[in-house]
Amino acid sequence: MRIGIYWKVITIFLLYIFFSTIIILLIYHFTESPESISVDIRSAVIKDSLLTAQDLSRMIKKSGKKGHYEALDNPSIKYFLEKTNRKIRLSNIAGKVLYDSVKGRVYGGNVINYDKISEILSKGILIEGGYSGWFRSTVEVYVPIKVDNEVLGILQISYPKISEKRVRSNLKYGILVEVAVISLLALFFSRLITAPIKKLETATKMVTDGNLGYQVDIRTNDEIGGLAKDFNEMSKKLADMTRQRIELTADISHELRSPLARIKTAAEMMTLDRNNPQQLEKYQQTISQEIEELNILIEDLLELSKLELDKVELNLEYSNPSNIISEIIDRVKPLAEKKDIKIEYKQDNNTPNIMLDIHRMRRALSNIIENAIKFTNQNGHIIIAESFKGDSLTISVADDGVGVPESELSSIFERFYRIDKSRARQTGGTGLGLAIAKSIVERHGGKIVARKSDMGGLEIVISIPTPGFSKHSFI
């Protein structure tokens, strides 16, 4: 599952809030002991609770009601207690709760036990720790309700056990600890996000300095990880392109050097054998042949460059591929007969006329068939098969020649590729034929693949879509 940087930032923000809250609560919890009551809080709650008890006693006295229950169970008294806006319980002298401002659960139960009542009456006021939790803690104050020195009941008031001074102290320590913890978290998360970016920056500088192919080790499952993956692919492609360019330059230099060397040798020999007409004619023929090879090489290079740069406009017109194949077979038959090679053509009579650049498709198929003849041994066999199915035309050329190793099948369409470079001079050619064929087929929207043939040699398969090629230019 991929988690983007956006959600990582949101997660960090939520973690910040979470840790901030936990820190504040921990400080509050450990600095507010439920048993300890500060002097200023004790003084304030005693004063307030006694005043409330006195006000309540005066109200009871004014009501004129007699008896503990009747005097305390008075709507006006309950109204007064509600207006105090505090958590209050009013019990009779037996400890039974008559009024409770807390709805539902009552801290300490519904009855004040006898021992606690005795302690309240003996001390006149009782203060003890009440509720203690994460968000608040209280102090409970018990005061007897007296009218004319007669105890009618017990008033229990809950006060928050916190002072302004303690709040300031808690906030001060809380802020200090929070700043320290959040700073550490910020440092950790910033390194978590910026570390891969710095790696990418370093990798970019390495590639800029010429270290093509440099790979950055980032495995995060987010946008930066995706960027690193794309960077590694780009760096690898740049290295491959540079290597191919160097190899291409070396190959072209080699292909040019050989005929030029032979031309130079023939020219030098002509100066030595000026008086031998037969030798002069032989040297002239050699020079003419080598110049012709150079012309073919240069033309092939120009054609291939135009095709690969998409600078060639296909001259598309309706034509039947079967006719093109038959013409090529008739033309190369003398070459095959010299090696006693049998060419078998399995024609599909259902093949329709399709849109093709006749000249370039003829060249592509010629290159493939001539290549098969070159690398097929004496008394060999070549099968050219044609198949039309639906919206696709398939043409295959299979031979029983020397074949190509499995590991090199994907390389035979590269420029100047040869299985055995030592045979290059014997077989002839520029080494660009299959590369040109591949570019022509792809410009027609088709595909070309190489595989081992059933006869043990090489099989090249072309697949061309037949509906049309609207994405290409027409002349």
Protein backbone atom coordinates (compact mmCIF):
# COMPACT_ATOMS: atom_id res chain seq x y z
CA MET A 1 0.00 0.00 0.00
CA ARG A 2 1.42 3.35 -1.03
CA ILE A 3 1.34 6.16 1.57
CA GLY A 4 1.90 9.56 0.00
CA ILE A 5 3.81 12.49 1.49
CA TYR A 6 0.50 14.33 2.01
CA TRP A 7 -0.77 11.63 4.36
CA LYS A 8 2.62 11.38 6.06
CA VAL A 9 2.45 15.09 6.89
CA ILE A 10 -1.13 14.67 8.18
CA THR A 11 0.02 11.71 10.30
CA ILE A 12 2.91 13.72 11.72
CA PHE A 13 0.52 16.56 12.59
CA LEU A 14 -1.86 14.14 14.34
CA LEU A 15 1.05 12.56 16.21
CA TYR A 16 2.11 16.04 17.32
CA ILE A 17 -1.37 16.69 18.75
CA PHE A 18 -1.45 13.24 20.35
CA PHE A 19 1.94 13.56 22.05
CA SER A 20 1.19 17.13 23.14
CA THR A 21 -2.01 15.99 24.83
CA ILE A 22 -0.31 13.02 26.49
CA ILE A 23 2.51 15.20 27.82
CA ILE A 24 0.12 17.76 29.31
CA LEU A 25 -2.03 15.06 30.90
CA LEU A 26 0.99 13.26 32.35
CA ILE A 27 2.35 16.45 33.88
CA TYR A 28 -1.05 17.33 35.29
CA HIS A 29 -1.54 13.83 36.66
CA PHE A 30 1.84 13.55 38.37
CA THR A 31 1.85 17.10 39.75
CA GLU A 32 -1.69 16.86 41.17
CA SER A 33 -1.64 14.33 43.98
CA PRO A 34 -5.20 13.35 44.98
CA GLU A 35 -4.25 13.29 48.66
CA SER A 36 -2.48 16.65 48.84
CA ILE A 37 -4.48 19.85 49.23
CA SER A 38 -2.61 23.13 49.09
CA VAL A 39 -3.06 25.74 51.81
CA ASP A 40 -4.62 28.33 49.52
CA ILE A 41 -7.20 25.83 48.22
CA ARG A 42 -8.01 24.61 51.77
CA SER A 43 -8.60 28.16 52.98
CA ALA A 44 -10.79 29.06 50.00
CA VAL A 45 -13.01 25.98 50.11
CA ILE A 46 -13.51 26.20 53.89
CA LYS A 47 -14.62 29.80 53.62
CA ASP A 48 -16.96 29.14 50.68
CA SER A 49 -18.50 25.99 52.16
CA LEU A 50 -19.17 27.66 55.54
CA LEU A 51 -20.83 30.63 53.83
CA THR A 52 -23.00 28.27 51.76
CA ALA A 53 -23.97 26.32 54.89
CA GLN A 54 -24.86 29.54 56.72
CA ASP A 55 -27.02 30.75 53.82
CA LEU A 56 -28.77 27.40 53.73
CA SER A 57 -29.36 27.48 57.51
CA ARG A 58 -30.97 30.92 57.27
CA MET A 59 -33.30 29.73 54.49
CA ILE A 60 -34.38 26.72 56.56
CA LYS A 61 -35.01 28.92 59.57
CA LYS A 62 -37.12 31.33 57.54
CA SER A 63 -39.21 28.49 56.12
CA GLY A 64 -40.48 27.74 59.63
CA LYS A 65 -40.71 24.00 58.96
CA LYS A 66 -40.01 21.61 61.79
CA GLY A 67 -38.37 18.20 61.63
CA HIS A 68 -35.28 17.14 59.82
CA TYR A 69 -36.93 15.73 56.73
CA GLU A 70 -39.57 18.43 56.30
CA ALA A 71 -37.05 21.24 56.79
CA LEU A 72 -34.57 19.89 54.25
CA ASP A 73 -37.00 18.53 51.66
CA ASN A 74 -38.01 22.00 50.53
CA PRO A 75 -38.29 23.11 46.86
CA SER A 76 -36.89 26.55 47.67
CA ILE A 77 -33.81 24.95 49.22
CA LYS A 78 -33.25 22.76 46.18
CA TYR A 79 -33.65 25.81 43.96
CA PHE A 80 -31.04 27.65 46.02
CA LEU A 81 -28.60 24.76 45.78
CA GLU A 82 -29.08 24.50 42.01
CA LYS A 83 -28.29 28.21 41.63
CA THR A 84 -24.92 27.72 43.33
CA ASN A 85 -23.85 25.90 40.14
CA ARG A 86 -21.72 23.43 42.08
CA LYS A 87 -21.70 19.71 42.64
CA ILE A 88 -23.59 19.43 45.92
CA ARG A 89 -25.20 16.67 47.97
CA LEU A 90 -27.59 17.39 50.82
CA SER A 91 -28.16 14.58 53.32
CA ASN A 92 -30.24 14.34 56.49
CA ILE A 93 -28.71 13.57 59.86
CA ALA A 94 -29.11 9.84 59.20
CA GLY A 95 -26.89 10.14 56.10
CA LYS A 96 -29.66 9.63 53.52
CA VAL A 97 -29.16 11.77 50.41
CA LEU A 98 -32.09 14.15 49.83
CA TYR A 99 -30.63 16.18 47.00
CA ASP A 100 -27.80 15.46 44.55
CA SER A 101 -26.80 17.82 41.76
CA VAL A 102 -24.95 15.00 39.99
CA LYS A 103 -27.41 13.01 37.90
CA GLY A 104 -26.94 9.26 37.94
CA ARG A 105 -23.77 8.01 39.62
CA VAL A 106 -22.98 9.63 43.00
CA TYR A 107 -19.41 9.74 44.30
CA GLY A 108 -19.24 8.00 47.69
CA GLY A 109 -22.58 6.19 47.42
CA ASN A 110 -26.13 7.28 48.25
CA VAL A 111 -25.67 7.19 52.03
CA ILE A 112 -23.05 8.83 54.24
CA ASN A 113 -21.93 6.25 56.79
CA TYR A 114 -22.28 6.77 60.52
CA ASP A 115 -18.54 7.03 61.26
CA LYS A 116 -18.11 9.83 58.75
CA ILE A 117 -21.14 11.69 60.19
CA SER A 118 -19.62 11.39 63.67
CA GLU A 119 -16.30 12.76 62.40
CA ILE A 120 -18.03 15.68 60.66
CA LEU A 121 -20.00 16.56 63.79
CA SER A 122 -16.94 16.30 66.03
CA LYS A 123 -14.67 18.41 63.79
CA GLY A 124 -17.31 20.85 62.57
CA ILE A 125 -15.95 20.51 58.99
CA LEU A 126 -14.32 17.64 57.11
CA ILE A 127 -12.06 18.00 54.06
CA GLU A 128 -10.83 15.00 52.09
CA GLY A 129 -9.66 14.07 48.62
CA GLY A 130 -12.42 13.36 46.17
CA TYR A 131 -12.40 12.33 42.53
CA SER A 132 -9.03 12.12 40.76
CA GLY A 133 -8.71 11.60 37.01
CA TRP A 134 -6.82 12.69 33.90
CA PHE A 135 -8.82 15.84 33.31
CA ARG A 136 -9.83 16.93 36.81
CA SER A 137 -9.51 16.14 40.51
CA THR A 138 -11.69 17.38 43.34
CA VAL A 139 -11.66 18.02 47.06
CA GLU A 140 -14.80 17.10 49.06
CA VAL A 141 -15.93 19.37 51.93
CA TYR A 142 -18.53 18.18 54.48
CA VAL A 143 -20.26 20.82 56.64
CA PRO A 144 -23.11 20.23 59.15
CA ILE A 145 -26.34 22.21 58.63
CA LYS A 146 -27.42 23.77 61.95
CA VAL A 147 -30.53 25.71 62.88
CA ASP A 148 -30.60 27.06 66.45
CA ASN A 149 -27.70 24.74 67.35
CA GLU A 150 -29.67 21.74 66.10
CA VAL A 151 -27.98 19.65 63.38
CA LEU A 152 -30.48 18.95 60.59
CA GLY A 153 -28.22 17.44 57.96
CA ILE A 154 -24.90 17.33 56.14
CA LEU A 155 -23.89 19.53 53.17
CA GLN A 156 -21.27 17.99 50.83
CA ILE A 157 -19.66 20.29 48.22
CA SER A 158 -17.13 19.27 45.54
CA TYR A 159 -14.46 21.81 44.59
CA PRO A 160 -11.90 21.52 41.78
CA LYS A 161 -8.52 20.92 43.39
CA ILE A 162 -6.44 23.35 41.37
CA SER A 163 -5.23 26.90 41.84
CA GLU A 164 -4.07 29.61 39.47
CA LYS A 165 -0.54 29.23 40.76
CA ARG A 166 -0.59 25.50 40.14
CA VAL A 167 -2.01 26.05 36.65
CA ARG A 168 0.85 28.41 35.80
CA SER A 169 3.37 25.96 37.19
CA ASN A 170 1.89 23.05 35.26
CA LEU A 171 1.78 25.06 32.07
CA LYS A 172 5.39 26.15 32.48
CA TYR A 173 6.70 22.62 32.96
CA GLY A 174 4.32 21.26 30.37
CA ILE A 175 5.48 23.72 27.74
CA LEU A 176 9.16 23.03 28.47
CA VAL A 177 8.75 19.26 28.26
CA GLU A 178 6.47 19.54 25.24
CA VAL A 179 8.94 21.76 23.37
CA ALA A 180 11.74 19.27 24.08
CA VAL A 181 9.74 16.24 22.97
CA ILE A 182 8.23 17.94 19.92
CA SER A 183 11.69 19.19 18.90
CA LEU A 184 12.97 15.62 18.95
CA LEU A 185 9.95 14.45 16.98
CA ALA A 186 10.39 17.29 14.47
CA LEU A 187 14.06 16.39 14.05
CA PHE A 188 13.22 12.72 13.54
CA PHE A 189 10.38 13.28 11.05
CA SER A 190 12.24 16.00 9.15
CA ARG A 191 15.17 13.64 8.66
CA LEU A 192 12.73 10.92 7.66
CA ILE A 193 11.36 13.11 4.85
CA THR A 194 14.46 15.09 3.83
CA ALA A 195 17.00 12.23 3.91
CA PRO A 196 15.76 10.63 0.65
CA ILE A 197 15.55 14.08 -0.96
CA LYS A 198 19.20 14.68 -0.10
CA LYS A 199 20.05 11.29 -1.58
CA LEU A 200 18.30 12.31 -4.79
CA GLU A 201 20.20 15.61 -4.80
CA THR A 202 23.50 13.74 -4.45
CA ALA A 203 22.52 11.29 -7.18
CA THR A 204 21.57 14.16 -9.51
CA LYS A 205 24.98 15.77 -8.98
CA MET A 206 26.67 12.43 -9.67
CA VAL A 207 24.85 12.07 -12.99
CA THR A 208 25.51 15.73 -13.84
CA ASP A 209 29.22 15.13 -13.24
CA GLY A 210 29.15 12.32 -15.79
CA ASN A 211 28.63 9.30 -13.55
CA LEU A 212 25.88 7.94 -15.79
CA GLY A 213 24.09 4.86 -14.54
CA TYR A 214 24.38 5.94 -10.88
CA GLN A 215 21.60 4.35 -8.81
CA VAL A 216 20.07 5.91 -5.71
CA ASP A 217 19.00 3.58 -2.89
CA ILE A 218 15.57 4.85 -1.80
CA ARG A 219 12.85 2.32 -1.04
CA THR A 220 10.10 4.45 0.48
CA ASN A 221 6.60 3.69 -0.71
CA ASP A 222 5.62 7.28 -1.56
CA GLU A 223 6.13 9.96 -4.22
CA ILE A 224 9.84 10.25 -3.37
CA GLY A 225 10.23 6.48 -3.74
CA GLY A 226 8.48 6.67 -7.12
CA LEU A 227 10.71 9.58 -8.14
CA ALA A 228 13.80 7.60 -7.11
CA LYS A 229 12.64 4.63 -9.17
CA ASP A 230 12.11 6.86 -12.22
CA PHE A 231 15.49 8.50 -11.61
CA ASN A 232 17.24 5.11 -11.54
CA GLU A 233 15.53 4.09 -14.78
CA MET A 234 16.48 7.41 -16.39
CA SER A 235 20.08 7.10 -15.21
CA LYS A 236 20.30 3.55 -16.54
CA LYS A 237 18.84 4.60 -19.90
CA LEU A 238 21.29 7.50 -20.14
CA ALA A 239 24.15 5.11 -19.46
CA ASP A 240 22.82 2.65 -22.05
CA MET A 241 22.34 5.42 -24.62
CA THR A 242 25.86 6.69 -24.02
CA ARG A 243 27.26 3.19 -24.31
CA GLN A 244 25.28 2.60 -27.51
CA ARG A 245 26.49 5.91 -28.92
CA ILE A 246 30.11 4.99 -28.19
CA GLU A 247 29.62 1.52 -29.65
CA LEU A 248 27.88 3.00 -32.69
CA THR A 249 30.75 5.41 -33.25
CA ALA A 250 33.22 2.55 -32.94
CA ASP A 251 31.16 0.35 -35.29
CA ILE A 252 30.82 3.08 -37.91
CA SER A 253 34.54 3.81 -37.65
CA HIS A 254 35.28 0.13 -38.15
CA GLU A 255 32.87 -0.20 -41.07
CA LEU A 256 34.39 2.86 -42.75
CA ARG A 257 37.98 1.96 -41.96
CA SER A 258 37.91 -1.44 -43.68
CA PRO A 259 36.78 -0.32 -47.17
CA LEU A 260 38.91 2.83 -46.94
CA ALA A 261 41.94 0.70 -46.10
CA ARG A 262 41.25 -1.52 -49.11
CA ILE A 263 40.81 1.55 -51.34
CA LYS A 264 44.09 2.97 -50.07
CA THR A 265 45.88 -0.33 -50.68
CA ALA A 266 44.48 -0.61 -54.22
CA ALA A 267 45.46 2.99 -54.98
CA GLU A 268 49.01 2.41 -53.74
CA MET A 269 49.30 -0.77 -55.80
CA MET A 270 48.15 1.13 -58.90
CA THR A 271 51.13 3.45 -58.58
CA LEU A 272 53.45 0.44 -58.41
CA ASP A 273 51.89 -1.46 -61.34
CA ARG A 274 51.36 1.39 -63.78
CA ASN A 275 52.66 -0.67 -66.67
CA ASN A 276 50.37 -3.65 -66.03
CA PRO A 277 46.94 -2.90 -67.58
CA GLN A 278 45.34 -6.07 -66.22
CA GLN A 279 46.37 -5.30 -62.65
CA LEU A 280 45.29 -1.68 -63.01
CA GLU A 281 41.83 -2.78 -64.14
CA LYS A 282 41.61 -5.17 -61.19
CA TYR A 283 42.54 -2.41 -58.73
CA GLN A 284 40.00 -0.08 -60.32
CA GLN A 285 37.27 -2.69 -59.88
CA THR A 286 38.27 -3.13 -56.23
CA ILE A 287 38.09 0.62 -55.64
CA SER A 288 34.68 0.83 -57.36
CA GLN A 289 33.29 -2.05 -55.28
CA GLU A 290 34.54 -0.55 -52.02
CA ILE A 291 33.12 2.87 -52.91
CA GLU A 292 29.78 1.21 -53.67
CA GLU A 293 29.87 -0.49 -50.26
CA LEU A 294 30.57 2.86 -48.62
CA ASN A 295 27.63 4.42 -50.46
CA ILE A 296 25.33 1.60 -49.34
CA LEU A 297 26.54 1.94 -45.74
CA ILE A 298 26.00 5.70 -45.70
CA GLU A 299 22.55 5.38 -47.32
CA ASP A 300 21.55 2.72 -44.80
CA LEU A 301 22.73 4.87 -41.89
CA LEU A 302 20.81 7.89 -43.19
CA GLU A 303 17.68 5.82 -43.77
CA LEU A 304 17.86 4.25 -40.31
CA SER A 305 18.43 7.63 -38.64
CA LYS A 306 15.42 9.13 -40.41
CA LEU A 307 13.22 6.19 -39.44
CA GLU A 308 14.29 6.25 -35.79
CA LEU A 309 13.88 10.03 -35.57
CA ASP A 310 10.41 9.72 -37.13
CA LYS A 311 11.41 12.03 -39.97
CA VAL A 312 10.15 9.69 -42.69
CA GLU A 313 6.67 10.14 -44.13
CA LEU A 314 5.25 6.86 -45.33
CA ASN A 315 3.95 6.87 -48.88
CA LEU A 316 0.96 4.67 -48.09
CA GLU A 317 -1.10 3.02 -50.79
CA TYR A 318 -3.15 -0.14 -51.15
CA SER A 319 -1.07 -3.17 -52.04
CA ASN A 320 -1.13 -6.93 -51.54
CA PRO A 321 1.78 -8.19 -49.39
CA SER A 322 1.70 -11.51 -51.27
CA ASN A 323 2.76 -9.75 -54.47
CA ILE A 324 5.65 -8.03 -52.68
CA ILE A 325 6.88 -11.33 -51.20
CA SER A 326 6.63 -13.10 -54.58
CA GLU A 327 8.68 -10.34 -56.25
CA ILE A 328 11.38 -10.60 -53.58
CA ILE A 329 11.55 -14.41 -53.90
CA ASP A 330 12.00 -14.11 -57.68
CA ARG A 331 14.77 -11.56 -57.19
CA VAL A 332 16.75 -13.49 -54.54
CA LYS A 333 16.27 -16.91 -56.14
CA PRO A 334 19.69 -16.77 -57.89
CA LEU A 335 21.37 -16.15 -54.52
CA ALA A 336 19.57 -19.13 -53.00
CA GLU A 337 20.35 -21.39 -55.96
CA LYS A 338 24.07 -20.71 -55.56
CA LYS A 339 23.87 -22.44 -52.16
CA ASP A 340 21.20 -24.95 -53.23
CA ILE A 341 18.79 -23.43 -50.70
CA LYS A 342 15.13 -24.32 -51.08
CA ILE A 343 12.71 -21.41 -50.49
CA GLU A 344 9.19 -22.52 -49.59
CA TYR A 345 6.43 -19.91 -49.66
CA LYS A 346 3.19 -20.64 -47.77
CA GLN A 347 0.89 -18.01 -49.16
CA ASP A 348 -2.47 -17.06 -47.62
CA ASN A 349 -4.90 -16.51 -50.49
CA ASN A 350 -7.24 -14.58 -48.19
CA THR A 351 -4.75 -11.77 -47.63
CA PRO A 352 -6.41 -8.51 -48.75
CA ASN A 353 -4.88 -5.33 -50.10
CA ILE A 354 -3.71 -3.20 -47.18
CA MET A 355 -2.20 0.25 -46.78
CA LEU A 356 1.60 0.01 -47.07
CA ASP A 357 4.60 2.02 -48.07
CA ILE A 358 5.43 -0.46 -50.83
CA HIS A 359 9.03 0.66 -51.32
CA ARG A 360 9.97 0.52 -47.64
CA MET A 361 8.03 -2.67 -46.86
CA ARG A 362 9.75 -4.34 -49.83
CA ARG A 363 13.07 -3.22 -48.39
CA ALA A 364 12.23 -4.57 -44.91
CA LEU A 365 11.16 -7.99 -46.23
CA SER A 366 14.15 -8.13 -48.60
CA ASN A 367 16.54 -7.48 -45.72
CA ILE A 368 14.97 -10.29 -43.66
CA ILE A 369 14.89 -12.84 -46.50
CA GLU A 370 18.41 -11.99 -47.73
CA ASN A 371 19.67 -12.28 -44.14
CA ALA A 372 18.14 -15.78 -43.95
CA ILE A 373 19.91 -16.78 -47.19
CA LYS A 374 23.27 -15.44 -45.94
CA PHE A 375 23.19 -17.47 -42.75
CA THR A 376 21.65 -20.66 -44.12
CA ASN A 377 24.12 -23.42 -44.92
CA GLN A 378 24.51 -25.22 -48.24
CA ASN A 379 21.41 -27.28 -49.18
CA GLY A 380 19.42 -25.42 -46.56
CA HIS A 381 15.72 -24.72 -46.28
CA ILE A 382 13.83 -21.43 -45.81
CA ILE A 383 10.08 -21.21 -45.15
CA ILE A 384 8.20 -17.96 -45.72
CA ALA A 385 4.70 -18.13 -44.23
CA GLU A 386 1.88 -15.63 -44.53
CA SER A 387 -1.29 -15.54 -42.42
CA PHE A 388 -4.19 -13.10 -42.35
CA LYS A 389 -6.52 -13.21 -39.33
CA GLY A 390 -9.12 -10.56 -38.62
CA ASP A 391 -7.32 -7.23 -38.40
CA SER A 392 -3.73 -8.48 -38.39
CA LEU A 393 -1.29 -9.79 -41.00
CA THR A 394 1.55 -12.07 -39.88
CA ILE A 395 4.61 -12.85 -42.02
CA SER A 396 7.33 -15.21 -40.78
CA VAL A 397 10.70 -16.13 -42.29
CA ALA A 398 12.25 -19.29 -40.79
CA ASP A 399 15.48 -21.06 -41.75
CA ASP A 400 17.60 -24.04 -40.68
CA GLY A 401 20.81 -22.03 -40.61
CA VAL A 402 23.31 -21.32 -37.85
CA GLY A 403 20.67 -19.69 -35.66
CA VAL A 404 21.20 -17.21 -32.84
CA PRO A 405 21.85 -17.99 -29.14
CA GLU A 406 18.80 -17.43 -26.93
CA SER A 407 20.65 -14.75 -24.95
CA GLU A 408 21.27 -12.71 -28.12
CA LEU A 409 17.85 -12.91 -29.80
CA SER A 410 16.83 -9.49 -28.47
CA SER A 411 20.04 -7.94 -29.87
CA ILE A 412 19.82 -8.94 -33.52
CA PHE A 413 17.83 -5.80 -34.40
CA GLU A 414 20.59 -3.52 -33.10
CA ARG A 415 22.84 -1.62 -35.48
CA PHE A 416 25.88 -3.54 -36.75
CA TYR A 417 24.92 -6.66 -34.81
CA ARG A 418 26.60 -9.82 -36.11
CA ILE A 419 26.61 -13.26 -34.52
CA ASP A 420 30.15 -14.00 -35.67
CA LYS A 421 32.14 -10.88 -36.50
CA SER A 422 34.81 -13.01 -38.16
CA ARG A 423 32.24 -14.00 -40.82
CA ALA A 424 31.19 -10.41 -41.49
CA ARG A 425 33.44 -10.04 -44.50
CA GLN A 426 32.41 -13.41 -45.92
CA THR A 427 28.66 -12.81 -45.67
CA GLY A 428 28.83 -9.14 -46.64
CA GLY A 429 26.27 -6.50 -45.78
CA THR A 430 26.41 -3.46 -43.54
CA GLY A 431 24.98 -4.99 -40.39
CA LEU A 432 22.05 -2.56 -40.56
CA GLY A 433 19.52 -4.65 -42.49
CA LEU A 434 17.49 -6.02 -39.58
CA ALA A 435 17.65 -2.70 -37.71
CA ILE A 436 16.15 -0.97 -40.77
CA ALA A 437 13.51 -3.71 -41.12
CA LYS A 438 12.50 -3.26 -37.48
CA SER A 439 12.13 0.52 -37.85
CA ILE A 440 10.05 0.17 -41.04
CA VAL A 441 7.71 -2.38 -39.46
CA GLU A 442 7.25 -0.24 -36.35
CA ARG A 443 6.56 2.84 -38.49
CA HIS A 444 3.69 0.82 -39.98
CA GLY A 445 2.36 0.27 -36.47
CA GLY A 446 3.55 -3.34 -36.41
CA LYS A 447 5.83 -5.52 -34.31
CA ILE A 448 8.82 -7.68 -35.17
CA VAL A 449 10.30 -10.45 -33.00
CA ALA A 450 13.02 -13.06 -33.35
CA ARG A 451 12.92 -16.60 -32.00
CA LYS A 452 14.39 -20.02 -32.58
CA SER A 453 12.74 -21.75 -35.53
CA ASP A 454 11.35 -25.27 -35.47
CA MET A 455 14.08 -26.19 -37.98
CA GLY A 456 16.83 -25.18 -35.55
CA GLY A 457 17.76 -21.88 -37.13
CA LEU A 458 16.26 -18.40 -36.78
CA GLU A 459 12.68 -17.30 -37.30
CA ILE A 460 11.68 -13.65 -37.65
CA VAL A 461 7.98 -12.85 -37.28
CA ILE A 462 6.30 -9.64 -38.43
CA SER A 463 2.81 -8.62 -37.28
CA ILE A 464 1.13 -5.70 -39.04
CA PRO A 465 -2.32 -4.29 -38.16
CA THR A 466 -4.52 -4.02 -41.24
CA PRO A 467 -7.24 -1.42 -40.42
CA GLY A 468 -5.03 1.51 -41.42
CA PHE A 469 -2.42 3.87 -40.07
CA SER A 470 -4.19 7.15 -39.38
CA LYS A 471 -1.45 8.30 -37.00
CA HIS A 472 1.11 8.46 -39.84
CA SER A 473 1.35 11.04 -42.58
CA PHE A 474 0.18 10.34 -46.10
CA ILE A 475 1.69 11.67 -49.30
